[in-house]
Amino acid sequence: MAGELPEYTAWLRNRPCAACRTRLMVEVHHATNGDTVAPGDPRPPKSTGTRRGKGQKAHDYYTIPLCFWCHANFHSMRGEFAGWDKAKRNLWQLHEVGRHRLAYEGDR
């Protein structure tokens, strides 16, 4: 999903890229292993489903800042992400989500 936390995603766009630390052309990356609801939010009834399908984004809670180049490299598994398996990519994303959520809460 997208657009649930506009203040948080605006904050992320002003942070350095989580991969290369540049501040140029930073955009928000929705973690590919993120959930469709934020922690603590009520889960919709089972009949509506919460599993992400192709093209469906994770909740804005599960986002990190990536510059344009690193974002493209992450999805194509090139550059600094070349050779990373799914487990390593998922672990890195969860770590970065947690790190940025802590920083955001500390800035508030």
N, C-alpha and C. Protein backbone atom coordinates (compact mmCIF):
# COMPACT_ATOMS: atom_id res chain seq x y z
N MET A 1 0.85 -1.15 0.00
CA MET A 1 0.00 0.00 0.00
C MET A 1 0.91 1.23 0.00
N ALA A 2 0.34 2.35 -0.09
CA ALA A 2 1.13 3.59 -0.05
C ALA A 2 0.22 4.74 0.32
N GLY A 3 0.80 5.74 0.93
CA GLY A 3 0.04 6.92 1.28
C GLY A 3 -0.56 6.90 2.67
N GLU A 4 -0.28 5.87 3.47
CA GLU A 4 -0.86 5.79 4.81
C GLU A 4 -0.12 6.72 5.78
N LEU A 5 1.16 6.91 5.59
CA LEU A 5 1.98 7.70 6.52
C LEU A 5 2.74 8.80 5.76
N PRO A 6 2.04 9.82 5.26
CA PRO A 6 2.72 10.84 4.44
C PRO A 6 3.80 11.61 5.19
N GLU A 7 3.63 11.85 6.49
CA GLU A 7 4.64 12.57 7.26
C GLU A 7 5.93 11.74 7.36
N TYR A 8 5.78 10.44 7.58
CA TYR A 8 6.95 9.56 7.70
C TYR A 8 7.66 9.43 6.35
N THR A 9 6.93 9.23 5.27
CA THR A 9 7.59 9.07 3.97
C THR A 9 8.26 10.37 3.53
N ALA A 10 7.68 11.53 3.89
CA ALA A 10 8.34 12.81 3.58
C ALA A 10 9.64 12.92 4.37
N TRP A 11 9.63 12.47 5.62
CA TRP A 11 10.83 12.47 6.45
C TRP A 11 11.91 11.59 5.81
N LEU A 12 11.50 10.41 5.33
CA LEU A 12 12.46 9.48 4.71
C LEU A 12 13.13 10.10 3.49
N ARG A 13 12.38 10.84 2.69
CA ARG A 13 12.93 11.43 1.47
C ARG A 13 14.04 12.45 1.77
N ASN A 14 14.12 12.91 3.00
CA ASN A 14 15.16 13.86 3.40
C ASN A 14 16.31 13.18 4.14
N ARG A 15 16.31 11.88 4.17
CA ARG A 15 17.38 11.10 4.82
C ARG A 15 18.37 10.63 3.76
N PRO A 16 19.58 10.26 4.16
CA PRO A 16 20.51 9.68 3.18
C PRO A 16 20.07 8.28 2.76
N CYS A 17 20.49 7.89 1.58
CA CYS A 17 20.19 6.55 1.07
C CYS A 17 20.71 5.51 2.06
N ALA A 18 19.89 4.51 2.35
CA ALA A 18 20.27 3.47 3.30
C ALA A 18 21.41 2.60 2.78
N ALA A 19 21.64 2.60 1.48
CA ALA A 19 22.70 1.75 0.92
C ALA A 19 24.00 2.51 0.69
N CYS A 20 23.95 3.65 0.00
CA CYS A 20 25.19 4.35 -0.38
C CYS A 20 25.38 5.68 0.35
N ARG A 21 24.39 6.10 1.10
CA ARG A 21 24.43 7.31 1.93
C ARG A 21 24.36 8.64 1.17
N THR A 22 24.14 8.61 -0.14
CA THR A 22 23.97 9.87 -0.86
C THR A 22 22.66 10.52 -0.45
N ARG A 23 22.56 11.81 -0.63
CA ARG A 23 21.31 12.54 -0.36
C ARG A 23 20.66 12.98 -1.67
N LEU A 24 21.23 12.56 -2.79
CA LEU A 24 20.70 12.93 -4.10
C LEU A 24 19.62 11.96 -4.55
N MET A 25 18.52 12.50 -5.04
CA MET A 25 17.44 11.72 -5.64
C MET A 25 16.97 10.56 -4.75
N VAL A 26 16.76 10.84 -3.48
CA VAL A 26 16.30 9.81 -2.54
C VAL A 26 14.80 9.62 -2.69
N GLU A 27 14.39 8.37 -2.77
CA GLU A 27 12.98 8.02 -2.85
C GLU A 27 12.67 6.96 -1.81
N VAL A 28 11.40 6.66 -1.66
CA VAL A 28 10.97 5.70 -0.64
C VAL A 28 10.85 4.31 -1.25
N HIS A 29 11.50 3.35 -0.61
CA HIS A 29 11.43 1.94 -1.03
C HIS A 29 10.53 1.20 -0.05
N HIS A 30 9.48 0.59 -0.56
CA HIS A 30 8.61 -0.27 0.27
C HIS A 30 9.25 -1.65 0.32
N ALA A 31 9.55 -2.11 1.51
CA ALA A 31 10.23 -3.40 1.69
C ALA A 31 9.45 -4.51 0.99
N THR A 32 10.16 -5.32 0.25
CA THR A 32 9.52 -6.40 -0.50
C THR A 32 9.01 -7.50 0.42
N ASN A 33 9.46 -7.50 1.68
CA ASN A 33 8.98 -8.48 2.65
C ASN A 33 8.11 -7.83 3.72
N GLY A 34 7.67 -6.59 3.49
CA GLY A 34 6.83 -5.89 4.45
C GLY A 34 5.39 -6.37 4.42
N ASP A 35 4.69 -6.15 5.50
CA ASP A 35 3.29 -6.55 5.65
C ASP A 35 2.38 -5.46 5.09
N THR A 36 1.10 -5.78 4.89
CA THR A 36 0.14 -4.80 4.38
C THR A 36 -0.46 -3.95 5.48
N VAL A 37 -0.19 -4.29 6.74
CA VAL A 37 -0.67 -3.49 7.87
C VAL A 37 0.52 -3.20 8.78
N ALA A 38 0.47 -2.05 9.44
CA ALA A 38 1.53 -1.67 10.37
C ALA A 38 1.39 -2.47 11.66
N PRO A 39 2.48 -2.66 12.39
CA PRO A 39 2.39 -3.36 13.67
C PRO A 39 1.39 -2.67 14.60
N GLY A 40 0.53 -3.45 15.21
CA GLY A 40 -0.46 -2.92 16.13
C GLY A 40 -1.76 -2.49 15.48
N ASP A 41 -1.77 -2.33 14.16
CA ASP A 41 -3.02 -1.99 13.46
C ASP A 41 -3.90 -3.23 13.35
N PRO A 42 -5.21 -3.03 13.38
CA PRO A 42 -6.08 -4.20 13.24
C PRO A 42 -5.96 -4.80 11.85
N ARG A 43 -5.98 -6.10 11.82
CA ARG A 43 -5.90 -6.82 10.55
C ARG A 43 -7.30 -6.94 9.97
N PRO A 44 -7.43 -6.68 8.66
CA PRO A 44 -8.76 -6.82 8.03
C PRO A 44 -9.26 -8.26 8.14
N PRO A 45 -10.57 -8.44 7.99
CA PRO A 45 -11.12 -9.81 8.03
C PRO A 45 -10.44 -10.70 6.99
N LYS A 46 -10.35 -11.97 7.30
CA LYS A 46 -9.68 -12.93 6.41
C LYS A 46 -10.23 -12.90 4.99
N SER A 47 -11.51 -12.62 4.84
CA SER A 47 -12.12 -12.66 3.52
C SER A 47 -11.54 -11.60 2.58
N THR A 48 -11.02 -10.49 3.14
CA THR A 48 -10.44 -9.46 2.28
C THR A 48 -8.99 -9.76 1.97
N GLY A 49 -8.36 -10.57 2.79
CA GLY A 49 -6.97 -10.96 2.57
C GLY A 49 -5.99 -9.86 2.90
N THR A 50 -4.80 -10.22 3.36
CA THR A 50 -3.76 -9.25 3.63
C THR A 50 -2.46 -9.65 2.94
N ARG A 51 -2.45 -10.80 2.30
CA ARG A 51 -1.23 -11.21 1.60
C ARG A 51 -1.03 -10.29 0.42
N ARG A 52 0.20 -9.91 0.23
CA ARG A 52 0.52 -9.03 -0.87
C ARG A 52 0.56 -9.82 -2.16
N GLY A 53 -0.03 -9.26 -3.18
CA GLY A 53 0.04 -9.85 -4.50
C GLY A 53 1.02 -9.06 -5.36
N LYS A 54 1.24 -9.52 -6.55
CA LYS A 54 2.17 -8.83 -7.45
C LYS A 54 1.69 -7.40 -7.67
N GLY A 55 2.59 -6.46 -7.50
CA GLY A 55 2.26 -5.06 -7.70
C GLY A 55 1.63 -4.38 -6.49
N GLN A 56 1.42 -5.12 -5.43
CA GLN A 56 0.82 -4.55 -4.22
C GLN A 56 1.95 -4.21 -3.24
N LYS A 57 1.97 -2.98 -2.79
CA LYS A 57 3.05 -2.52 -1.92
C LYS A 57 2.76 -2.82 -0.46
N ALA A 58 3.84 -2.88 0.30
CA ALA A 58 3.73 -3.01 1.75
C ALA A 58 3.24 -1.68 2.33
N HIS A 59 2.79 -1.73 3.56
CA HIS A 59 2.36 -0.53 4.28
C HIS A 59 3.54 0.44 4.37
N ASP A 60 3.24 1.74 4.43
CA ASP A 60 4.29 2.75 4.52
C ASP A 60 5.18 2.58 5.75
N TYR A 61 4.72 1.89 6.76
CA TYR A 61 5.55 1.61 7.94
C TYR A 61 6.83 0.89 7.52
N TYR A 62 6.73 0.03 6.52
CA TYR A 62 7.84 -0.81 6.07
C TYR A 62 8.58 -0.17 4.90
N THR A 63 9.07 1.06 5.09
CA THR A 63 9.76 1.76 4.03
C THR A 63 11.13 2.22 4.50
N ILE A 64 12.02 2.41 3.53
CA ILE A 64 13.36 2.92 3.80
C ILE A 64 13.75 3.88 2.68
N PRO A 65 14.70 4.79 2.95
CA PRO A 65 15.14 5.68 1.89
C PRO A 65 16.21 5.02 1.02
N LEU A 66 16.00 5.05 -0.27
CA LEU A 66 17.01 4.59 -1.23
C LEU A 66 17.09 5.62 -2.34
N CYS A 67 18.31 5.92 -2.79
CA CYS A 67 18.44 6.83 -3.92
C CYS A 67 17.94 6.11 -5.17
N PHE A 68 17.71 6.87 -6.20
CA PHE A 68 17.20 6.33 -7.46
C PHE A 68 18.03 5.14 -7.94
N TRP A 69 19.36 5.28 -7.88
CA TRP A 69 20.24 4.24 -8.41
C TRP A 69 20.22 2.97 -7.56
N CYS A 70 20.31 3.14 -6.23
CA CYS A 70 20.28 1.97 -5.35
C CYS A 70 18.92 1.29 -5.38
N HIS A 71 17.86 2.07 -5.53
CA HIS A 71 16.52 1.49 -5.62
C HIS A 71 16.43 0.58 -6.85
N ALA A 72 16.92 1.09 -7.98
CA ALA A 72 16.91 0.28 -9.20
C ALA A 72 17.81 -0.95 -9.04
N ASN A 73 18.99 -0.75 -8.43
CA ASN A 73 19.91 -1.88 -8.23
C ASN A 73 19.33 -2.93 -7.29
N PHE A 74 18.59 -2.49 -6.27
CA PHE A 74 17.99 -3.45 -5.34
C PHE A 74 17.04 -4.38 -6.09
N HIS A 75 16.16 -3.79 -6.90
CA HIS A 75 15.16 -4.59 -7.60
C HIS A 75 15.75 -5.45 -8.72
N SER A 76 16.87 -5.01 -9.29
CA SER A 76 17.49 -5.80 -10.36
C SER A 76 18.65 -6.65 -9.84
N MET A 77 18.92 -6.58 -8.52
CA MET A 77 19.99 -7.33 -7.87
C MET A 77 21.34 -7.07 -8.53
N ARG A 78 21.62 -5.79 -8.72
CA ARG A 78 22.90 -5.36 -9.29
C ARG A 78 23.62 -4.47 -8.31
N GLY A 79 24.79 -3.96 -8.72
CA GLY A 79 25.54 -3.04 -7.88
C GLY A 79 25.84 -3.67 -6.53
N GLU A 80 25.63 -2.90 -5.46
CA GLU A 80 25.93 -3.38 -4.12
C GLU A 80 25.07 -4.57 -3.69
N PHE A 81 23.99 -4.83 -4.43
CA PHE A 81 23.09 -5.95 -4.10
C PHE A 81 23.34 -7.19 -4.95
N ALA A 82 24.32 -7.13 -5.82
CA ALA A 82 24.64 -8.28 -6.67
C ALA A 82 25.06 -9.46 -5.80
N GLY A 83 24.51 -10.62 -6.08
CA GLY A 83 24.87 -11.83 -5.36
C GLY A 83 24.12 -12.04 -4.05
N TRP A 84 23.30 -11.08 -3.65
CA TRP A 84 22.53 -11.25 -2.42
C TRP A 84 21.38 -12.22 -2.68
N ASP A 85 21.20 -13.18 -1.80
CA ASP A 85 20.05 -14.07 -1.92
C ASP A 85 18.85 -13.42 -1.23
N LYS A 86 17.71 -14.05 -1.37
CA LYS A 86 16.46 -13.50 -0.83
C LYS A 86 16.55 -13.31 0.69
N ALA A 87 17.14 -14.25 1.38
CA ALA A 87 17.25 -14.16 2.84
C ALA A 87 18.08 -12.95 3.26
N LYS A 88 19.19 -12.71 2.58
CA LYS A 88 20.03 -11.56 2.92
C LYS A 88 19.31 -10.25 2.61
N ARG A 89 18.62 -10.20 1.48
CA ARG A 89 17.85 -8.99 1.12
C ARG A 89 16.75 -8.73 2.15
N ASN A 90 16.04 -9.77 2.56
CA ASN A 90 14.96 -9.61 3.54
C ASN A 90 15.50 -9.16 4.90
N LEU A 91 16.60 -9.75 5.33
CA LEU A 91 17.20 -9.38 6.62
C LEU A 91 17.67 -7.92 6.59
N TRP A 92 18.32 -7.51 5.50
CA TRP A 92 18.79 -6.14 5.37
C TRP A 92 17.62 -5.15 5.41
N GLN A 93 16.56 -5.46 4.68
CA GLN A 93 15.39 -4.58 4.68
C GLN A 93 14.79 -4.44 6.07
N LEU A 94 14.60 -5.55 6.77
CA LEU A 94 14.02 -5.49 8.12
C LEU A 94 14.91 -4.69 9.06
N HIS A 95 16.22 -4.86 8.96
CA HIS A 95 17.16 -4.10 9.78
C HIS A 95 17.02 -2.60 9.49
N GLU A 96 16.99 -2.24 8.22
CA GLU A 96 16.89 -0.83 7.83
C GLU A 96 15.54 -0.23 8.21
N VAL A 97 14.47 -0.98 8.08
CA VAL A 97 13.15 -0.49 8.51
C VAL A 97 13.21 -0.16 10.01
N GLY A 98 13.74 -1.09 10.80
CA GLY A 98 13.83 -0.87 12.24
C GLY A 98 14.71 0.31 12.59
N ARG A 99 15.83 0.44 11.92
CA ARG A 99 16.77 1.53 12.18
C ARG A 99 16.13 2.88 11.87
N HIS A 100 15.42 2.96 10.76
CA HIS A 100 14.80 4.23 10.37
C HIS A 100 13.57 4.55 11.22
N ARG A 101 12.83 3.54 11.64
CA ARG A 101 11.69 3.80 12.52
C ARG A 101 12.18 4.36 13.86
N LEU A 102 13.26 3.80 14.40
CA LEU A 102 13.83 4.29 15.65
C LEU A 102 14.30 5.74 15.51
N ALA A 103 14.98 6.03 14.41
CA ALA A 103 15.47 7.40 14.18
C ALA A 103 14.30 8.37 14.05
N TYR A 104 13.26 7.96 13.36
CA TYR A 104 12.08 8.82 13.18
C TYR A 104 11.42 9.10 14.52
N GLU A 105 11.25 8.09 15.34
CA GLU A 105 10.62 8.28 16.65
C GLU A 105 11.50 9.17 17.52
N GLY A 106 12.82 9.06 17.38
CA GLY A 106 13.73 9.90 18.14
C GLY A 106 13.70 11.36 17.71
N ASP A 107 13.40 11.60 16.43
CA ASP A 107 13.33 12.98 15.90
C ASP A 107 12.02 13.67 16.26
N ARG A 108 11.05 12.90 16.67
CA ARG A 108 9.72 13.50 16.94
C ARG A 108 9.61 14.07 18.30
